[in-house]
């Protein structure tokens, strides 16, 4: 692979990787839901809705 080809990476995350990252984030956050402020939960939900 040439050096110029290594620099031309795709900046977007593939859909299947994005789904796995979302699931992993949910698994990490769910146990802490009782301690999170409602506005943080709302912001996270809005970002998720905006992304889809």
PDB file of N, CA and C in Angstrom:
ATOM      1  N   UNK A   1       0.857  -1.182   0.000  1.00  0.00           N
ATOM      2  CA  UNK A   1       0.000   0.000   0.000  1.00  0.00           C
ATOM      3  C   UNK A   1       0.894   1.233   0.000  1.00  0.00           C
ATOM      4  N   UNK A   2       0.568   2.171  -0.855  1.00  0.00           N
ATOM      5  CA  UNK A   2       1.356   3.394  -0.928  1.00  0.00           C
ATOM      6  C   UNK A   2       0.994   4.334   0.213  1.00  0.00           C
ATOM      7  N   UNK A   3       1.899   5.253   0.579  1.00  0.00           N
ATOM      8  CA  UNK A   3       1.605   6.196   1.677  1.00  0.00           C
ATOM      9  C   UNK A   3       0.383   7.063   1.411  1.00  0.00           C
ATOM     10  N   UNK A   4       0.146   7.437   0.151  1.00  0.00           N
ATOM     11  CA  UNK A   4      -1.014   8.276  -0.143  1.00  0.00           C
ATOM     12  C   UNK A   4      -2.321   7.486   0.009  1.00  0.00           C
ATOM     13  N   UNK A   5      -2.285   6.181  -0.267  1.00  0.00           N
ATOM     14  CA  UNK A   5      -3.482   5.354  -0.106  1.00  0.00           C
ATOM     15  C   UNK A   5      -3.825   5.185   1.375  1.00  0.00           C
ATOM     16  N   UNK A   6      -2.831   5.165   2.235  1.00  0.00           N
ATOM     17  CA  UNK A   6      -3.068   5.012   3.673  1.00  0.00           C
ATOM     18  C   UNK A   6      -3.743   6.252   4.249  1.00  0.00           C
ATOM     19  N   UNK A   7      -3.549   7.405   3.628  1.00  0.00           N
ATOM     20  CA  UNK A   7      -4.136   8.643   4.132  1.00  0.00           C
ATOM     21  C   UNK A   7      -5.566   8.855   3.656  1.00  0.00           C
ATOM     22  N   UNK A   8      -6.003   8.099   2.674  1.00  0.00           N
ATOM     23  CA  UNK A   8      -7.356   8.300   2.140  1.00  0.00           C
ATOM     24  C   UNK A   8      -8.339   7.321   2.796  1.00  0.00           C
ATOM     25  N   UNK A   9      -8.459   7.414   4.097  1.00  0.00           N
ATOM     26  CA  UNK A   9      -9.375   6.554   4.830  1.00  0.00           C
ATOM     27  C   UNK A   9     -10.777   7.136   4.806  1.00  0.00           C
ATOM     28  N   UNK A  10     -11.763   6.261   4.913  1.00  0.00           N
ATOM     29  CA  UNK A  10     -13.154   6.686   4.951  1.00  0.00           C
ATOM     30  C   UNK A  10     -13.459   7.230   6.345  1.00  0.00           C
ATOM     31  N   UNK A  11     -13.887   8.496   6.472  1.00  0.00           N
ATOM     32  CA  UNK A  11     -14.110   9.081   7.791  1.00  0.00           C
ATOM     33  C   UNK A  11     -15.408   8.630   8.455  1.00  0.00           C
ATOM     34  N   UNK A  12     -16.284   7.937   7.746  1.00  0.00           N
ATOM     35  CA  UNK A  12     -17.558   7.515   8.316  1.00  0.00           C
ATOM     36  C   UNK A  12     -17.453   6.123   8.924  1.00  0.00           C
ATOM     37  N   UNK A  13     -18.235   5.898   9.983  1.00  0.00           N
ATOM     38  CA  UNK A  13     -18.289   4.595  10.627  1.00  0.00           C
ATOM     39  C   UNK A  13     -19.352   3.772   9.906  1.00  0.00           C
ATOM     40  N   UNK A  14     -19.026   2.535   9.522  1.00  0.00           N
ATOM     41  CA  UNK A  14     -20.043   1.697   8.877  1.00  0.00           C
ATOM     42  C   UNK A  14     -21.238   1.448   9.808  1.00  0.00           C
ATOM     43  N   UNK A  15     -22.410   1.201   9.228  1.00  0.00           N
ATOM     44  CA  UNK A  15     -23.638   1.028  10.017  1.00  0.00           C
ATOM     45  C   UNK A  15     -23.536  -0.116  11.019  1.00  0.00           C
ATOM     46  N   UNK A  16     -22.948  -1.248  10.622  1.00  0.00           N
ATOM     47  CA  UNK A  16     -22.867  -2.364  11.558  1.00  0.00           C
ATOM     48  C   UNK A  16     -21.938  -2.039  12.727  1.00  0.00           C
ATOM     49  N   UNK A  17     -20.858  -1.317  12.477  1.00  0.00           N
ATOM     50  CA  UNK A  17     -19.970  -0.907  13.559  1.00  0.00           C
ATOM     51  C   UNK A  17     -20.648   0.114  14.463  1.00  0.00           C
ATOM     52  N   UNK A  18     -21.419   1.012  13.873  1.00  0.00           N
ATOM     53  CA  UNK A  18     -22.145   2.009  14.655  1.00  0.00           C
ATOM     54  C   UNK A  18     -23.170   1.334  15.561  1.00  0.00           C
ATOM     55  N   UNK A  19     -23.837   0.314  15.056  1.00  0.00           N
ATOM     56  CA  UNK A  19     -24.809  -0.420  15.873  1.00  0.00           C
ATOM     57  C   UNK A  19     -24.117  -1.109  17.043  1.00  0.00           C
ATOM     58  N   UNK A  20     -22.977  -1.727  16.794  1.00  0.00           N
ATOM     59  CA  UNK A  20     -22.240  -2.394  17.875  1.00  0.00           C
ATOM     60  C   UNK A  20     -21.729  -1.391  18.911  1.00  0.00           C
ATOM     61  N   UNK A  21     -21.267  -0.243  18.459  1.00  0.00           N
ATOM     62  CA  UNK A  21     -20.816   0.791  19.393  1.00  0.00           C
ATOM     63  C   UNK A  21     -21.969   1.325  20.236  1.00  0.00           C
ATOM     64  N   UNK A  22     -23.144   1.475  19.625  1.00  0.00           N
ATOM     65  CA  UNK A  22     -24.320   1.940  20.354  1.00  0.00           C
ATOM     66  C   UNK A  22     -24.742   0.921  21.409  1.00  0.00           C
ATOM     67  N   UNK A  23     -24.722  -0.349  21.052  1.00  0.00           N
ATOM     68  CA  UNK A  23     -25.067  -1.404  22.010  1.00  0.00           C
ATOM     69  C   UNK A  23     -24.058  -1.431  23.151  1.00  0.00           C
ATOM     70  N   UNK A  24     -22.775  -1.311  22.842  1.00  0.00           N
ATOM     71  CA  UNK A  24     -21.747  -1.313  23.885  1.00  0.00           C
ATOM     72  C   UNK A  24     -21.915  -0.122  24.826  1.00  0.00           C
ATOM     73  N   UNK A  25     -22.235   1.035  24.276  1.00  0.00           N
ATOM     74  CA  UNK A  25     -22.447   2.216  25.118  1.00  0.00           C
ATOM     75  C   UNK A  25     -23.655   2.025  26.020  1.00  0.00           C
ATOM     76  N   UNK A  26     -24.720   1.434  25.485  1.00  0.00           N
ATOM     77  CA  UNK A  26     -25.915   1.186  26.301  1.00  0.00           C
ATOM     78  C   UNK A  26     -25.607   0.208  27.429  1.00  0.00           C
ATOM     79  N   UNK A  27     -24.840  -0.834  27.147  1.00  0.00           N
ATOM     80  CA  UNK A  27     -24.480  -1.808  28.181  1.00  0.00           C
ATOM     81  C   UNK A  27     -23.678  -1.148  29.300  1.00  0.00           C
ATOM     82  N   UNK A  28     -22.840  -0.203  28.952  1.00  0.00           N
ATOM     83  CA  UNK A  28     -22.034   0.491  29.965  1.00  0.00           C
ATOM     84  C   UNK A  28     -22.876   1.494  30.758  1.00  0.00           C
ATOM     85  N   UNK A  29     -23.798   2.189  30.102  1.00  0.00           N
ATOM     86  CA  UNK A  29     -24.550   3.268  30.745  1.00  0.00           C
ATOM     87  C   UNK A  29     -25.730   2.751  31.574  1.00  0.00           C
ATOM     88  N   UNK A  30     -26.375   1.677  31.155  1.00  0.00           N
ATOM     89  CA  UNK A  30     -27.594   1.202  31.825  1.00  0.00           C
ATOM     90  C   UNK A  30     -27.413   0.988  33.328  1.00  0.00           C
ATOM     91  N   UNK A  31     -26.320   0.392  33.807  1.00  0.00           N
ATOM     92  CA  UNK A  31     -26.192   0.228  35.266  1.00  0.00           C
ATOM     93  C   UNK A  31     -26.100   1.549  36.034  1.00  0.00           C
ATOM     94  N   UNK A  32     -25.776   2.633  35.360  1.00  0.00           N
ATOM     95  CA  UNK A  32     -25.608   3.938  36.021  1.00  0.00           C
ATOM     96  C   UNK A  32     -26.813   4.859  35.831  1.00  0.00           C
ATOM     97  N   UNK A  33     -27.894   4.353  35.257  1.00  0.00           N
ATOM     98  CA  UNK A  33     -29.054   5.198  34.953  1.00  0.00           C
ATOM     99  C   UNK A  33     -29.659   5.849  36.194  1.00  0.00           C
ATOM    100  N   UNK A  34     -29.612   5.171  37.337  1.00  0.00           N
ATOM    101  CA  UNK A  34     -30.227   5.725  38.548  1.00  0.00           C
ATOM    102  C   UNK A  34     -29.497   6.977  39.018  1.00  0.00           C
ATOM    103  N   UNK A  35     -28.209   7.096  38.722  1.00  0.00           N
ATOM    104  CA  UNK A  35     -27.431   8.245  39.166  1.00  0.00           C
ATOM    105  C   UNK A  35     -27.368   9.371  38.145  1.00  0.00           C
ATOM    106  N   UNK A  36     -27.830   9.140  36.922  1.00  0.00           N
ATOM    107  CA  UNK A  36     -27.750  10.168  35.883  1.00  0.00           C
ATOM    108  C   UNK A  36     -28.866  11.197  36.033  1.00  0.00           C
ATOM    109  N   UNK A  37     -28.531  12.423  35.730  1.00  0.00           N
ATOM    110  CA  UNK A  37     -29.534  13.487  35.740  1.00  0.00           C
ATOM    111  C   UNK A  37     -30.477  13.321  34.547  1.00  0.00           C
ATOM    112  N   UNK A  38     -31.732  13.724  34.708  1.00  0.00           N
ATOM    113  CA  UNK A  38     -32.677  13.598  33.581  1.00  0.00           C
ATOM    114  C   UNK A  38     -32.238  14.366  32.339  1.00  0.00           C
ATOM    115  N   UNK A  39     -31.584  15.514  32.498  1.00  0.00           N
ATOM    116  CA  UNK A  39     -31.179  16.277  31.319  1.00  0.00           C
ATOM    117  C   UNK A  39     -30.084  15.557  30.544  1.00  0.00           C
ATOM    118  N   UNK A  40     -29.236  14.787  31.219  1.00  0.00           N
ATOM    119  CA  UNK A  40     -28.190  14.023  30.520  1.00  0.00           C
ATOM    120  C   UNK A  40     -28.833  12.912  29.700  1.00  0.00           C
ATOM    121  N   UNK A  41     -29.832  12.253  30.274  1.00  0.00           N
ATOM    122  CA  UNK A  41     -30.549  11.206  29.549  1.00  0.00           C
ATOM    123  C   UNK A  41     -31.247  11.808  28.327  1.00  0.00           C
ATOM    124  N   UNK A  42     -31.867  12.973  28.508  1.00  0.00           N
ATOM    125  CA  UNK A  42     -32.560  13.632  27.392  1.00  0.00           C
ATOM    126  C   UNK A  42     -31.586  14.014  26.280  1.00  0.00           C
ATOM    127  N   UNK A  43     -30.444  14.533  26.633  1.00  0.00           N
ATOM    128  CA  UNK A  43     -29.438  14.912  25.621  1.00  0.00           C
ATOM    129  C   UNK A  43     -28.959  13.678  24.866  1.00  0.00           C
ATOM    130  N   UNK A  44     -28.711  12.588  25.567  1.00  0.00           N
ATOM    131  CA  UNK A  44     -28.267  11.355  24.911  1.00  0.00           C
ATOM    132  C   UNK A  44     -29.328  10.821  23.953  1.00  0.00           C
ATOM    133  N   UNK A  45     -30.584  10.856  24.379  1.00  0.00           N
ATOM    134  CA  UNK A  45     -31.659  10.400  23.506  1.00  0.00           C
ATOM    135  C   UNK A  45     -31.805  11.295  22.277  1.00  0.00           C
ATOM    136  N   UNK A  46     -31.709  12.602  22.474  1.00  0.00           N
ATOM    137  CA  UNK A  46     -31.808  13.526  21.340  1.00  0.00           C
ATOM    138  C   UNK A  46     -30.657  13.312  20.356  1.00  0.00           C
ATOM    139  N   UNK A  47     -29.454  13.087  20.867  1.00  0.00           N
ATOM    140  CA  UNK A  47     -28.311  12.825  19.976  1.00  0.00           C
ATOM    141  C   UNK A  47     -28.508  11.529  19.198  1.00  0.00           C
ATOM    142  N   UNK A  48     -29.059  10.516  19.868  1.00  0.00           N
ATOM    143  CA  UNK A  48     -29.324   9.253  19.178  1.00  0.00           C
ATOM    144  C   UNK A  48     -30.368   9.402  18.096  1.00  0.00           C
ATOM    145  N   UNK A  49     -31.418  10.152  18.395  1.00  0.00           N
ATOM    146  CA  UNK A  49     -32.470  10.385  17.405  1.00  0.00           C
ATOM    147  C   UNK A  49     -31.939  11.218  16.245  1.00  0.00           C
ATOM    148  N   UNK A  50     -31.122  12.208  16.565  1.00  0.00           N
ATOM    149  CA  UNK A  50     -30.553  13.076  15.525  1.00  0.00           C
ATOM    150  C   UNK A  50     -29.629  12.284  14.598  1.00  0.00           C
ATOM    151  N   UNK A  51     -28.912  11.304  15.148  1.00  0.00           N
ATOM    152  CA  UNK A  51     -27.949  10.525  14.374  1.00  0.00           C
ATOM    153  C   UNK A  51     -28.640   9.575  13.388  1.00  0.00           C
ATOM    154  N   UNK A  52     -29.825   9.109  13.728  1.00  0.00           N
ATOM    155  CA  UNK A  52     -30.478   8.108  12.852  1.00  0.00           C
ATOM    156  C   UNK A  52     -31.234   8.744  11.733  1.00  0.00           C
TER     157      UNK A  52
END
